[in-house]
Amino acid sequence: MRCPHIVVYRITKGMEREARLIGFKKPRFIAIPNVVLERELVPEYAGLDLPVDEIRRDVEALLRDGPERAAQLSGFEEIDHVLGPDDAITKTAELIVREFGAADNN
């Protein structure tokens, strides 16, 4: 949607305890834009005690025209390029149907 944003996941003590019990390892990234680009585009915050001042700073930076906002908007364009056109899934499905249809006729 190309809307500058940050990602905040506040967990509870119970969630933290459960993660520790099952041996959960925190992934490198949790925000989908960051996962797709394999780098931090969208600031991520996760945990029990979140740094409110840092979150406020990041949000304020994205609300005004500046380098942080421009970088995210540019990154969203990069994501579009990585993922392909909007109809890529439809075209892929059509290709599969055509190929399987052709294979059935042979």
PDB file of N, CA and C in Angstrom:
ATOM      1  N   MET A   1       0.820  -1.190   0.000  1.00  0.00           N
ATOM      2  CA  MET A   1       0.000   0.000   0.000  1.00  0.00           C
ATOM      3  C   MET A   1       0.862   1.252   0.000  1.00  0.00           C
ATOM      4  N   ARG A   2       2.163   1.049   0.097  1.00  0.00           N
ATOM      5  CA  ARG A   2       3.112   2.166   0.024  1.00  0.00           C
ATOM      6  C   ARG A   2       2.855   3.235   1.080  1.00  0.00           C
ATOM      7  N   CYS A   3       2.511   2.800   2.271  1.00  0.00           N
ATOM      8  CA  CYS A   3       2.267   3.724   3.373  1.00  0.00           C
ATOM      9  C   CYS A   3       3.415   3.579   4.380  1.00  0.00           C
ATOM     10  N   PRO A   4       4.219   4.623   4.556  1.00  0.00           N
ATOM     11  CA  PRO A   4       5.316   4.533   5.529  1.00  0.00           C
ATOM     12  C   PRO A   4       4.796   4.119   6.906  1.00  0.00           C
ATOM     13  N   HIS A   5       5.526   3.224   7.560  1.00  0.00           N
ATOM     14  CA  HIS A   5       5.077   2.719   8.855  1.00  0.00           C
ATOM     15  C   HIS A   5       6.231   2.096   9.632  1.00  0.00           C
ATOM     16  N   ILE A   6       5.939   1.780  10.889  1.00  0.00           N
ATOM     17  CA  ILE A   6       6.840   0.988  11.712  1.00  0.00           C
ATOM     18  C   ILE A   6       6.046  -0.235  12.163  1.00  0.00           C
ATOM     19  N   VAL A   7       6.734  -1.228  12.703  1.00  0.00           N
ATOM     20  CA  VAL A   7       6.077  -2.433  13.196  1.00  0.00           C
ATOM     21  C   VAL A   7       6.399  -2.583  14.674  1.00  0.00           C
ATOM     22  N   VAL A   8       5.343  -2.764  15.473  1.00  0.00           N
ATOM     23  CA  VAL A   8       5.502  -2.914  16.917  1.00  0.00           C
ATOM     24  C   VAL A   8       4.767  -4.171  17.348  1.00  0.00           C
ATOM     25  N   TYR A   9       5.494  -5.083  17.976  1.00  0.00           N
ATOM     26  CA  TYR A   9       4.915  -6.294  18.553  1.00  0.00           C
ATOM     27  C   TYR A   9       5.209  -6.267  20.039  1.00  0.00           C
ATOM     28  N   ARG A  10       4.192  -6.066  20.830  1.00  0.00           N
ATOM     29  CA  ARG A  10       4.386  -6.102  22.278  1.00  0.00           C
ATOM     30  C   ARG A  10       3.991  -7.495  22.735  1.00  0.00           C
ATOM     31  N   ILE A  11       4.909  -8.149  23.404  1.00  0.00           N
ATOM     32  CA  ILE A  11       4.621  -9.498  23.889  1.00  0.00           C
ATOM     33  C   ILE A  11       4.371  -9.454  25.388  1.00  0.00           C
ATOM     34  N   THR A  12       3.734 -10.482  25.877  1.00  0.00           N
ATOM     35  CA  THR A  12       3.466 -10.591  27.308  1.00  0.00           C
ATOM     36  C   THR A  12       4.539 -11.458  27.952  1.00  0.00           C
ATOM     37  N   LYS A  13       4.576 -11.458  29.281  1.00  0.00           N
ATOM     38  CA  LYS A  13       5.536 -12.318  29.992  1.00  0.00           C
ATOM     39  C   LYS A  13       5.255 -13.784  29.691  1.00  0.00           C
ATOM     40  N   GLY A  14       3.968 -14.121  29.561  1.00  0.00           N
ATOM     41  CA  GLY A  14       3.606 -15.501  29.232  1.00  0.00           C
ATOM     42  C   GLY A  14       4.131 -15.912  27.863  1.00  0.00           C
ATOM     43  N   MET A  15       4.016 -15.024  26.903  1.00  0.00           N
ATOM     44  CA  MET A  15       4.534 -15.315  25.561  1.00  0.00           C
ATOM     45  C   MET A  15       6.050 -15.483  25.603  1.00  0.00           C
ATOM     46  N   GLU A  16       6.709 -14.637  26.366  1.00  0.00           N
ATOM     47  CA  GLU A  16       8.164 -14.732  26.487  1.00  0.00           C
ATOM     48  C   GLU A  16       8.562 -16.063  27.121  1.00  0.00           C
ATOM     49  N   ARG A  17       7.863 -16.455  28.168  1.00  0.00           N
ATOM     50  CA  ARG A  17       8.141 -17.723  28.850  1.00  0.00           C
ATOM     51  C   ARG A  17       7.916 -18.903  27.901  1.00  0.00           C
ATOM     52  N   GLU A  18       6.805 -18.862  27.175  1.00  0.00           N
ATOM     53  CA  GLU A  18       6.500 -19.938  26.230  1.00  0.00           C
ATOM     54  C   GLU A  18       7.577 -20.038  25.151  1.00  0.00           C
ATOM     55  N   ALA A  19       8.009 -18.914  24.629  1.00  0.00           N
ATOM     56  CA  ALA A  19       9.048 -18.916  23.592  1.00  0.00           C
ATOM     57  C   ALA A  19      10.341 -19.529  24.136  1.00  0.00           C
ATOM     58  N   ARG A  20      10.663 -19.186  25.362  1.00  0.00           N
ATOM     59  CA  ARG A  20      11.874 -19.740  25.964  1.00  0.00           C
ATOM     60  C   ARG A  20      11.749 -21.248  26.151  1.00  0.00           C
ATOM     61  N   LEU A  21      10.566 -21.712  26.588  1.00  0.00           N
ATOM     62  CA  LEU A  21      10.343 -23.142  26.825  1.00  0.00           C
ATOM     63  C   LEU A  21      10.451 -23.970  25.544  1.00  0.00           C
ATOM     64  N   ILE A  22       9.939 -23.443  24.455  1.00  0.00           N
ATOM     65  CA  ILE A  22       9.981 -24.220  23.208  1.00  0.00           C
ATOM     66  C   ILE A  22      11.257 -23.965  22.403  1.00  0.00           C
ATOM     67  N   GLY A  23      12.133 -23.103  22.931  1.00  0.00           N
ATOM     68  CA  GLY A  23      13.402 -22.845  22.251  1.00  0.00           C
ATOM     69  C   GLY A  23      13.259 -21.975  21.024  1.00  0.00           C
ATOM     70  N   PHE A  24      12.247 -21.100  21.022  1.00  0.00           N
ATOM     71  CA  PHE A  24      12.008 -20.219  19.888  1.00  0.00           C
ATOM     72  C   PHE A  24      13.181 -19.267  19.711  1.00  0.00           C
ATOM     73  N   LYS A  25      13.671 -19.190  18.508  1.00  0.00           N
ATOM     74  CA  LYS A  25      14.745 -18.258  18.169  1.00  0.00           C
ATOM     75  C   LYS A  25      14.133 -17.101  17.394  1.00  0.00           C
ATOM     76  N   LYS A  26      14.387 -15.887  17.832  1.00  0.00           N
ATOM     77  CA  LYS A  26      13.842 -14.714  17.163  1.00  0.00           C
ATOM     78  C   LYS A  26      14.417 -14.644  15.748  1.00  0.00           C
ATOM     79  N   PRO A  27      13.536 -14.508  14.771  1.00  0.00           N
ATOM     80  CA  PRO A  27      14.022 -14.399  13.390  1.00  0.00           C
ATOM     81  C   PRO A  27      14.747 -13.081  13.174  1.00  0.00           C
ATOM     82  N   ARG A  28      15.514 -13.023  12.125  1.00  0.00           N
ATOM     83  CA  ARG A  28      16.258 -11.790  11.823  1.00  0.00           C
ATOM     84  C   ARG A  28      15.296 -10.625  11.621  1.00  0.00           C
ATOM     85  N   PHE A  29      14.207 -10.871  10.887  1.00  0.00           N
ATOM     86  CA  PHE A  29      13.197  -9.841  10.642  1.00  0.00           C
ATOM     87  C   PHE A  29      11.818 -10.422  10.897  1.00  0.00           C
ATOM     88  N   ILE A  30      10.893  -9.550  11.313  1.00  0.00           N
ATOM     89  CA  ILE A  30       9.516  -9.982  11.523  1.00  0.00           C
ATOM     90  C   ILE A  30       8.537  -9.237  10.624  1.00  0.00           C
ATOM     91  N   ALA A  31       8.891  -8.071  10.160  1.00  0.00           N
ATOM     92  CA  ALA A  31       8.020  -7.290   9.278  1.00  0.00           C
ATOM     93  C   ALA A  31       8.174  -7.795   7.841  1.00  0.00           C
ATOM     94  N   ILE A  32       7.051  -8.012   7.175  1.00  0.00           N
ATOM     95  CA  ILE A  32       7.075  -8.568   5.821  1.00  0.00           C
ATOM     96  C   ILE A  32       7.958  -7.762   4.860  1.00  0.00           C
ATOM     97  N   PRO A  33       7.894  -6.419   4.846  1.00  0.00           N
ATOM     98  CA  PRO A  33       8.788  -5.697   3.924  1.00  0.00           C
ATOM     99  C   PRO A  33      10.260  -6.019   4.172  1.00  0.00           C
ATOM    100  N   ASN A  34      10.645  -6.168   5.438  1.00  0.00           N
ATOM    101  CA  ASN A  34      12.031  -6.486   5.769  1.00  0.00           C
ATOM    102  C   ASN A  34      12.390  -7.913   5.360  1.00  0.00           C
ATOM    103  N   VAL A  35      11.445  -8.829   5.529  1.00  0.00           N
ATOM    104  CA  VAL A  35      11.678 -10.225   5.131  1.00  0.00           C
ATOM    105  C   VAL A  35      11.881 -10.304   3.622  1.00  0.00           C
ATOM    106  N   VAL A  36      11.026  -9.618   2.869  1.00  0.00           N
ATOM    107  CA  VAL A  36      11.114  -9.656   1.407  1.00  0.00           C
ATOM    108  C   VAL A  36      12.444  -9.089   0.921  1.00  0.00           C
ATOM    109  N   LEU A  37      12.857  -7.948   1.499  1.00  0.00           N
ATOM    110  CA  LEU A  37      14.093  -7.294   1.049  1.00  0.00           C
ATOM    111  C   LEU A  37      15.354  -7.834   1.724  1.00  0.00           C
ATOM    112  N   GLU A  38      15.176  -8.654   2.754  1.00  0.00           N
ATOM    113  CA  GLU A  38      16.298  -9.204   3.526  1.00  0.00           C
ATOM    114  C   GLU A  38      17.182  -8.108   4.114  1.00  0.00           C
ATOM    115  N   ARG A  39      16.542  -7.014   4.504  1.00  0.00           N
ATOM    116  CA  ARG A  39      17.217  -5.905   5.195  1.00  0.00           C
ATOM    117  C   ARG A  39      16.149  -5.077   5.878  1.00  0.00           C
ATOM    118  N   GLU A  40      16.568  -4.236   6.820  1.00  0.00           N
ATOM    119  CA  GLU A  40      15.574  -3.427   7.519  1.00  0.00           C
ATOM    120  C   GLU A  40      15.177  -2.206   6.701  1.00  0.00           C
ATOM    121  N   LEU A  41      13.941  -2.194   6.292  1.00  0.00           N
ATOM    122  CA  LEU A  41      13.332  -1.040   5.633  1.00  0.00           C
ATOM    123  C   LEU A  41      12.374  -0.370   6.618  1.00  0.00           C
ATOM    124  N   VAL A  42      11.611  -1.192   7.312  1.00  0.00           N
ATOM    125  CA  VAL A  42      10.618  -0.737   8.271  1.00  0.00           C
ATOM    126  C   VAL A  42      11.177  -0.978   9.677  1.00  0.00           C
ATOM    127  N   PRO A  43      11.255   0.065  10.513  1.00  0.00           N
ATOM    128  CA  PRO A  43      11.739  -0.146  11.880  1.00  0.00           C
ATOM    129  C   PRO A  43      10.857  -1.169  12.604  1.00  0.00           C
ATOM    130  N   GLU A  44      11.498  -2.084  13.318  1.00  0.00           N
ATOM    131  CA  GLU A  44      10.791  -3.136  14.046  1.00  0.00           C
ATOM    132  C   GLU A  44      11.078  -3.020  15.539  1.00  0.00           C
ATOM    133  N   TYR A  45      10.035  -3.181  16.318  1.00  0.00           N
ATOM    134  CA  TYR A  45      10.177  -3.215  17.768  1.00  0.00           C
ATOM    135  C   TYR A  45       9.377  -4.397  18.274  1.00  0.00           C
ATOM    136  N   ALA A  46      10.006  -5.243  19.080  1.00  0.00           N
ATOM    137  CA  ALA A  46       9.317  -6.398  19.640  1.00  0.00           C
ATOM    138  C   ALA A  46       9.862  -6.647  21.044  1.00  0.00           C
ATOM    139  N   GLY A  47       8.967  -6.931  21.964  1.00  0.00           N
ATOM    140  CA  GLY A  47       9.417  -7.256  23.304  1.00  0.00           C
ATOM    141  C   GLY A  47       8.430  -6.840  24.370  1.00  0.00           C
ATOM    142  N   LEU A  48       8.876  -6.979  25.606  1.00  0.00           N
ATOM    143  CA  LEU A  48       8.066  -6.611  26.766  1.00  0.00           C
ATOM    144  C   LEU A  48       8.111  -5.104  27.005  1.00  0.00           C
ATOM    145  N   ASP A  49       9.302  -4.590  27.145  1.00  0.00           N
ATOM    146  CA  ASP A  49       9.501  -3.168  27.427  1.00  0.00           C
ATOM    147  C   ASP A  49       9.969  -2.484  26.153  1.00  0.00           C
ATOM    148  N   LEU A  50       9.066  -1.763  25.535  1.00  0.00           N
ATOM    149  CA  LEU A  50       9.370  -1.132  24.258  1.00  0.00           C
ATOM    150  C   LEU A  50       9.884   0.291  24.466  1.00  0.00           C
ATOM    151  N   PRO A  51      10.863   0.705  23.666  1.00  0.00           N
ATOM    152  CA  PRO A  51      11.450   2.047  23.802  1.00  0.00           C
ATOM    153  C   PRO A  51      10.541   3.122  23.201  1.00  0.00           C
ATOM    154  N   VAL A  52       9.658   3.646  24.019  1.00  0.00           N
ATOM    155  CA  VAL A  52       8.646   4.586  23.560  1.00  0.00           C
ATOM    156  C   VAL A  52       9.266   5.789  22.850  1.00  0.00           C
ATOM    157  N   ASP A  53      10.355   6.318  23.379  1.00  0.00           N
ATOM    158  CA  ASP A  53      10.991   7.485  22.754  1.00  0.00           C
ATOM    159  C   ASP A  53      11.509   7.171  21.352  1.00  0.00           C
ATOM    160  N   GLU A  54      12.079   5.976  21.171  1.00  0.00           N
ATOM    161  CA  GLU A  54      12.567   5.583  19.838  1.00  0.00           C
ATOM    162  C   GLU A  54      11.403   5.397  18.868  1.00  0.00           C
ATOM    163  N   ILE A  55      10.344   4.782  19.351  1.00  0.00           N
ATOM    164  CA  ILE A  55       9.166   4.573  18.506  1.00  0.00           C
ATOM    165  C   ILE A  55       8.597   5.923  18.082  1.00  0.00           C
ATOM    166  N   ARG A  56       8.468   6.838  19.019  1.00  0.00           N
ATOM    167  CA  ARG A  56       7.965   8.180  18.715  1.00  0.00           C
ATOM    168  C   ARG A  56       8.851   8.866  17.681  1.00  0.00           C
ATOM    169  N   ARG A  57      10.159   8.765  17.858  1.00  0.00           N
ATOM    170  CA  ARG A  57      11.105   9.383  16.922  1.00  0.00           C
ATOM    171  C   ARG A  57      10.925   8.827  15.517  1.00  0.00           C
ATOM    172  N   ASP A  58      10.804   7.499  15.407  1.00  0.00           N
ATOM    173  CA  ASP A  58      10.639   6.874  14.088  1.00  0.00           C
ATOM    174  C   ASP A  58       9.322   7.273  13.438  1.00  0.00           C
ATOM    175  N   VAL A  59       8.248   7.301  14.207  1.00  0.00           N
ATOM    176  CA  VAL A  59       6.944   7.696  13.657  1.00  0.00           C
ATOM    177  C   VAL A  59       6.981   9.142  13.184  1.00  0.00           C
ATOM    178  N   GLU A  60       7.527  10.018  14.007  1.00  0.00           N
ATOM    179  CA  GLU A  60       7.604  11.434  13.626  1.00  0.00           C
ATOM    180  C   GLU A  60       8.433  11.629  12.361  1.00  0.00           C
ATOM    181  N   ALA A  61       9.502  10.863  12.231  1.00  0.00           N
ATOM    182  CA  ALA A  61      10.347  10.976  11.036  1.00  0.00           C
ATOM    183  C   ALA A  61       9.591  10.557   9.777  1.00  0.00           C
ATOM    184  N   LEU A  62       8.689   9.596   9.914  1.00  0.00           N
ATOM    185  CA  LEU A  62       7.931   9.119   8.753  1.00  0.00           C
ATOM    186  C   LEU A  62       6.743  10.021   8.412  1.00  0.00           C
ATOM    187  N   LEU A  63       6.323  10.829   9.367  1.00  0.00           N
ATOM    188  CA  LEU A  63       5.180  11.711   9.124  1.00  0.00           C
ATOM    189  C   LEU A  63       5.543  12.954   8.310  1.00  0.00           C
ATOM    190  N   ARG A  64       6.807  13.300   8.311  1.00  0.00           N
ATOM    191  CA  ARG A  64       7.217  14.485   7.543  1.00  0.00           C
ATOM    192  C   ARG A  64       8.064  14.055   6.346  1.00  0.00           C
ATOM    193  N   ASP A  65       8.082  14.908   5.332  1.00  0.00           N
ATOM    194  CA  ASP A  65       8.937  14.628   4.186  1.00  0.00           C
ATOM    195  C   ASP A  65      10.384  14.735   4.626  1.00  0.00           C
ATOM    196  N   GLY A  66      11.110  13.680   4.435  1.00  0.00           N
ATOM    197  CA  GLY A  66      12.508  13.652   4.836  1.00  0.00           C
ATOM    198  C   GLY A  66      13.148  12.373   4.353  1.00  0.00           C
ATOM    199  N   PRO A  67      14.399  12.141   4.725  1.00  0.00           N
ATOM    200  CA  PRO A  67      15.122  10.968   4.209  1.00  0.00           C
ATOM    201  C   PRO A  67      14.534   9.631   4.655  1.00  0.00           C
ATOM    202  N   GLU A  68      14.002   9.561   5.875  1.00  0.00           N
ATOM    203  CA  GLU A  68      13.437   8.293   6.358  1.00  0.00           C
ATOM    204  C   GLU A  68      12.200   7.913   5.548  1.00  0.00           C
ATOM    205  N   ARG A  69      11.320   8.891   5.345  1.00  0.00           N
ATOM    206  CA  ARG A  69      10.102   8.645   4.558  1.00  0.00           C
ATOM    207  C   ARG A  69      10.463   8.305   3.109  1.00  0.00           C
ATOM    208  N   ALA A  70      11.378   9.062   2.524  1.00  0.00           N
ATOM    209  CA  ALA A  70      11.795   8.823   1.140  1.00  0.00           C
ATOM    210  C   ALA A  70      12.412   7.431   0.992  1.00  0.00           C
ATOM    211  N   ALA A  71      13.201   7.013   1.984  1.00  0.00           N
ATOM    212  CA  ALA A  71      13.836   5.691   1.925  1.00  0.00           C
ATOM    213  C   ALA A  71      12.791   4.584   1.952  1.00  0.00           C
ATOM    214  N   GLN A  72      11.769   4.729   2.810  1.00  0.00           N
ATOM    215  CA  GLN A  72      10.727   3.706   2.842  1.00  0.00           C
ATOM    216  C   GLN A  72       9.952   3.665   1.531  1.00  0.00           C
ATOM    217  N   LEU A  73       9.569   4.809   1.023  1.00  0.00           N
ATOM    218  CA  LEU A  73       8.819   4.833  -0.229  1.00  0.00           C
ATOM    219  C   LEU A  73       9.623   4.210  -1.367  1.00  0.00           C
ATOM    220  N   SER A  74      10.915   4.485  -1.395  1.00  0.00           N
ATOM    221  CA  SER A  74      11.794   3.887  -2.398  1.00  0.00           C
ATOM    222  C   SER A  74      11.870   2.369  -2.197  1.00  0.00           C
ATOM    223  N   GLY A  75      11.953   1.948  -0.949  1.00  0.00           N
ATOM    224  CA  GLY A  75      11.990   0.519  -0.635  1.00  0.00           C
ATOM    225  C   GLY A  75      10.723  -0.200  -1.053  1.00  0.00           C
ATOM    226  N   PHE A  76       9.573   0.469  -0.912  1.00  0.00           N
ATOM    227  CA  PHE A  76       8.315  -0.142  -1.337  1.00  0.00           C
ATOM    228  C   PHE A  76       8.302  -0.357  -2.850  1.00  0.00           C
ATOM    229  N   GLU A  77       8.893   0.567  -3.594  1.00  0.00           N
ATOM    230  CA  GLU A  77       9.024   0.388  -5.046  1.00  0.00           C
ATOM    231  C   GLU A  77       9.905  -0.830  -5.340  1.00  0.00           C
ATOM    232  N   GLU A  78      10.961  -0.980  -4.559  1.00  0.00           N
ATOM    233  CA  GLU A  78      11.859  -2.127  -4.722  1.00  0.00           C
ATOM    234  C   GLU A  78      11.107  -3.435  -4.455  1.00  0.00           C
ATOM    235  N   ILE A  79      10.244  -3.441  -3.450  1.00  0.00           N
ATOM    236  CA  ILE A  79       9.446  -4.636  -3.148  1.00  0.00           C
ATOM    237  C   ILE A  79       8.556  -4.982  -4.335  1.00  0.00           C
ATOM    238  N   ASP A  80       7.922  -3.967  -4.919  1.00  0.00           N
ATOM    239  CA  ASP A  80       7.086  -4.218  -6.098  1.00  0.00           C
ATOM    240  C   ASP A  80       7.896  -4.888  -7.204  1.00  0.00           C
ATOM    241  N   HIS A  81       9.118  -4.440  -7.391  1.00  0.00           N
ATOM    242  CA  HIS A  81       9.980  -5.021  -8.415  1.00  0.00           C
ATOM    243  C   HIS A  81      10.329  -6.473  -8.075  1.00  0.00           C
ATOM    244  N   VAL A  82      10.666  -6.730  -6.811  1.00  0.00           N
ATOM    245  CA  VAL A  82      11.030  -8.085  -6.377  1.00  0.00           C
ATOM    246  C   VAL A  82       9.849  -9.042  -6.537  1.00  0.00           C
ATOM    247  N   LEU A  83       8.661  -8.591  -6.158  1.00  0.00           N
ATOM    248  CA  LEU A  83       7.487  -9.464  -6.184  1.00  0.00           C
ATOM    249  C   LEU A  83       6.875  -9.611  -7.576  1.00  0.00           C
ATOM    250  N   GLY A  84       7.177  -8.687  -8.448  1.00  0.00           N
ATOM    251  CA  GLY A  84       6.640  -8.770  -9.804  1.00  0.00           C
ATOM    252  C   GLY A  84       5.330  -8.026  -9.930  1.00  0.00           C
ATOM    253  N   PRO A  85       4.743  -8.063 -11.118  1.00  0.00           N
ATOM    254  CA  PRO A  85       3.517  -7.314 -11.366  1.00  0.00           C
ATOM    255  C   PRO A  85       2.343  -7.844 -10.541  1.00  0.00           C
ATOM    256  N   ASP A  86       1.326  -7.000 -10.396  1.00  0.00           N
ATOM    257  CA  ASP A  86       0.140  -7.358  -9.603  1.00  0.00           C
ATOM    258  C   ASP A  86      -0.509  -8.646 -10.086  1.00  0.00           C
ATOM    259  N   ASP A  87      -0.449  -8.908 -11.368  1.00  0.00           N
ATOM    260  CA  ASP A  87      -1.115 -10.083 -11.902  1.00  0.00           C
ATOM    261  C   ASP A  87      -0.180 -11.278 -12.078  1.00  0.00           C
ATOM    262  N   ALA A  88       0.959 -11.250 -11.414  1.00  0.00           N
ATOM    263  CA  ALA A  88       1.947 -12.328 -11.575  1.00  0.00           C
ATOM    264  C   ALA A  88       1.375 -13.687 -11.164  1.00  0.00           C
ATOM    265  N   ILE A  89       0.616 -13.737 -10.074  1.00  0.00           N
ATOM    266  CA  ILE A  89       0.053 -15.017  -9.623  1.00  0.00           C
ATOM    267  C   ILE A  89      -0.953 -15.537 -10.649  1.00  0.00           C
ATOM    268  N   THR A  90      -1.789 -14.645 -11.153  1.00  0.00           N
ATOM    269  CA  THR A  90      -2.777 -15.036 -12.159  1.00  0.00           C
ATOM    270  C   THR A  90      -2.081 -15.547 -13.413  1.00  0.00           C
ATOM    271  N   LYS A  91      -1.064 -14.842 -13.870  1.00  0.00           N
ATOM    272  CA  LYS A  91      -0.348 -15.269 -15.071  1.00  0.00           C
ATOM    273  C   LYS A  91       0.340 -16.624 -14.853  1.00  0.00           C
ATOM    274  N   THR A  92       0.897 -16.821 -13.660  1.00  0.00           N
ATOM    275  CA  THR A  92       1.547 -18.094 -13.353  1.00  0.00           C
ATOM    276  C   THR A  92       0.526 -19.226 -13.371  1.00  0.00           C
ATOM    277  N   ALA A  93      -0.640 -18.993 -12.777  1.00  0.00           N
ATOM    278  CA  ALA A  93      -1.690 -20.013 -12.768  1.00  0.00           C
ATOM    279  C   ALA A  93      -2.140 -20.336 -14.187  1.00  0.00           C
ATOM    280  N   GLU A  94      -2.323 -19.315 -15.009  1.00  0.00           N
ATOM    281  CA  GLU A  94      -2.728 -19.530 -16.397  1.00  0.00           C
ATOM    282  C   GLU A  94      -1.672 -20.338 -17.160  1.00  0.00           C
ATOM    283  N   LEU A  95      -0.407 -20.041 -16.912  1.00  0.00           N
ATOM    284  CA  LEU A  95       0.676 -20.773 -17.558  1.00  0.00           C
ATOM    285  C   LEU A  95       0.649 -22.242 -17.157  1.00  0.00           C
ATOM    286  N   ILE A  96       0.451 -22.509 -15.882  1.00  0.00           N
ATOM    287  CA  ILE A  96       0.399 -23.895 -15.390  1.00  0.00           C
ATOM    288  C   ILE A  96      -0.765 -24.635 -16.029  1.00  0.00           C
ATOM    289  N   VAL A  97      -1.931 -23.989 -16.077  1.00  0.00           N
ATOM    290  CA  VAL A  97      -3.105 -24.622 -16.686  1.00  0.00           C
ATOM    291  C   VAL A  97      -2.837 -24.918 -18.157  1.00  0.00           C
ATOM    292  N   ARG A  98      -2.244 -23.965 -18.874  1.00  0.00           N
ATOM    293  CA  ARG A  98      -1.922 -24.187 -20.286  1.00  0.00           C
ATOM    294  C   ARG A  98      -0.936 -25.337 -20.459  1.00  0.00           C
ATOM    295  N   GLU A  99       0.114 -25.357 -19.640  1.00  0.00           N
ATOM    296  CA  GLU A  99       1.131 -26.399 -19.756  1.00  0.00           C
ATOM    297  C   GLU A  99       0.566 -27.782 -19.417  1.00  0.00           C
ATOM    298  N   PHE A 100      -0.227 -27.856 -18.346  1.00  0.00           N
ATOM    299  CA  PHE A 100      -0.813 -29.140 -17.992  1.00  0.00           C
ATOM    300  C   PHE A 100      -1.843 -29.566 -19.025  1.00  0.00           C
ATOM    301  N   GLY A 101      -2.563 -28.602 -19.562  1.00  0.00           N
ATOM    302  CA  GLY A 101      -3.529 -28.903 -20.634  1.00  0.00           C
ATOM    303  C   GLY A 101      -2.822 -29.440 -21.861  1.00  0.00           C
ATOM    304  N   ALA A 102      -1.681 -28.851 -22.196  1.00  0.00           N
ATOM    305  CA  ALA A 102      -0.904 -29.306 -23.354  1.00  0.00           C
ATOM    306  C   ALA A 102      -0.322 -30.689 -23.086  1.00  0.00           C
ATOM    307  N   ALA A 103       0.091 -30.949 -21.843  1.00  0.00           N
ATOM    308  CA  ALA A 103       0.657 -32.248 -21.496  1.00  0.00           C
ATOM    309  C   ALA A 103      -0.407 -33.325 -21.555  1.00  0.00           C
ATOM    310  N   ASP A 104      -1.660 -32.993 -21.183  1.00  0.00           N
ATOM    311  CA  ASP A 104      -2.742 -33.962 -21.243  1.00  0.00           C
ATOM    312  C   ASP A 104      -3.091 -34.345 -22.669  1.00  0.00           C
ATOM    313  N   ASN A 105      -2.862 -33.419 -23.596  1.00  0.00           N
ATOM    314  CA  ASN A 105      -3.178 -33.690 -25.008  1.00  0.00           C
ATOM    315  C   ASN A 105      -2.109 -34.516 -25.685  1.00  0.00           C
ATOM    316  N   ASN A 106      -0.972 -34.704 -25.058  1.00  0.00           N
ATOM    317  CA  ASN A 106       0.132 -35.471 -25.668  1.00  0.00           C
ATOM    318  C   ASN A 106       0.057 -36.926 -25.317  1.00  0.00           C
TER     319      ASN A 106
END
